[in-house]
Each structure stands twice: as structure tokens, then as C-alpha cells.
């Protein structure tokens, strides 16, 4: 039972870590786009 829980926890932690990375990349992309827009590139 503990092994299944540990495996599930590892999968969940990996998934959440991936989602955090994706969200950070999206936020960085939005900031870069706003800066470029402010400078008149778009």
C-alpha cells in the first residue's frame, strides 16, 4: 500500500512540477511580449 502511495505521490509531484514550469514560462512570455509591445515591435 505504501509503495502505491509513494508511486502516486511521485507522479503527482512530477505533474505539479511540470505545471509550475509551464506557468512560469507562460508568465515570462507574457512579460516579454508586453515589453516588446511597449517598445513598439508589435
C-alpha atoms as a PDB file:
ATOM      1  CA  UNK A   1       0.000   0.000   0.000  1.00  0.00           C
ATOM      2  CA  UNK A   2       2.802   2.370   0.885  1.00  0.00           C
ATOM      3  CA  UNK A   3       4.611   1.672  -2.389  1.00  0.00           C
ATOM      4  CA  UNK A   4       1.497   2.555  -4.400  1.00  0.00           C
ATOM      5  CA  UNK A   5       1.070   5.737  -2.394  1.00  0.00           C
ATOM      6  CA  UNK A   6       4.703   6.661  -2.900  1.00  0.00           C
ATOM      7  CA  UNK A   7       4.447   5.994  -6.646  1.00  0.00           C
ATOM      8  CA  UNK A   8       1.277   8.078  -6.876  1.00  0.00           C
ATOM      9  CA  UNK A   9       2.875  10.856  -4.855  1.00  0.00           C
ATOM     10  CA  UNK A  10       5.912  10.861  -7.136  1.00  0.00           C
ATOM     11  CA  UNK A  11       3.693  11.046 -10.229  1.00  0.00           C
ATOM     12  CA  UNK A  12       1.632  13.849  -8.690  1.00  0.00           C
ATOM     13  CA  UNK A  13       4.743  15.787  -7.647  1.00  0.00           C
ATOM     14  CA  UNK A  14       6.224  15.415 -11.126  1.00  0.00           C
ATOM     15  CA  UNK A  15       2.991  16.581 -12.736  1.00  0.00           C
ATOM     16  CA  UNK A  16       2.712  19.593 -10.425  1.00  0.00           C
ATOM     17  CA  UNK A  17       6.358  20.488 -11.006  1.00  0.00           C
ATOM     18  CA  UNK A  18       5.760  20.358 -14.767  1.00  0.00           C
ATOM     19  CA  UNK A  19       2.692  22.584 -14.432  1.00  0.00           C
ATOM     20  CA  UNK A  20       4.678  25.112 -12.361  1.00  0.00           C
ATOM     21  CA  UNK A  21       7.393  25.227 -15.044  1.00  0.00           C
ATOM     22  CA  UNK A  22       4.777  25.697 -17.778  1.00  0.00           C
ATOM     23  CA  UNK A  23       3.064  28.506 -15.859  1.00  0.00           C
ATOM     24  CA  UNK A  24       6.390  30.276 -15.242  1.00  0.00           C
ATOM     25  CA  UNK A  25       7.278  30.045 -18.948  1.00  0.00           C
ATOM     26  CA  UNK A  26       3.861  31.468 -19.890  1.00  0.00           C
ATOM     27  CA  UNK A  27       4.283  34.368 -17.452  1.00  0.00           C
ATOM     28  CA  UNK A  28       7.773  35.109 -18.812  1.00  0.00           C
ATOM     29  CA  UNK A  29       6.431  35.022 -22.381  1.00  0.00           C
ATOM     30  CA  UNK A  30       3.628  37.445 -21.465  1.00  0.00           C
ATOM     31  CA  UNK A  31       6.073  39.870 -19.826  1.00  0.00           C
ATOM     32  CA  UNK A  32       8.413  39.715 -22.846  1.00  0.00           C
ATOM     33  CA  UNK A  33       5.504  40.347 -25.213  1.00  0.00           C
ATOM     34  CA  UNK A  34       4.345  43.326 -23.148  1.00  0.00           C
ATOM     35  CA  UNK A  35       7.871  44.792 -23.162  1.00  0.00           C
ATOM     36  CA  UNK A  36       8.172  44.326 -26.933  1.00  0.00           C
ATOM     37  CA  UNK A  37       4.726  45.858 -27.425  1.00  0.00           C
ATOM     38  CA  UNK A  38       5.667  48.825 -25.230  1.00  0.00           C
ATOM     39  CA  UNK A  39       8.840  49.336 -27.279  1.00  0.00           C
ATOM     40  CA  UNK A  40       6.826  49.289 -30.495  1.00  0.00           C
ATOM     41  CA  UNK A  41       7.882  45.980 -32.002  1.00  0.00           C
ATOM     42  CA  UNK A  42       4.257  44.877 -32.406  1.00  0.00           C
END
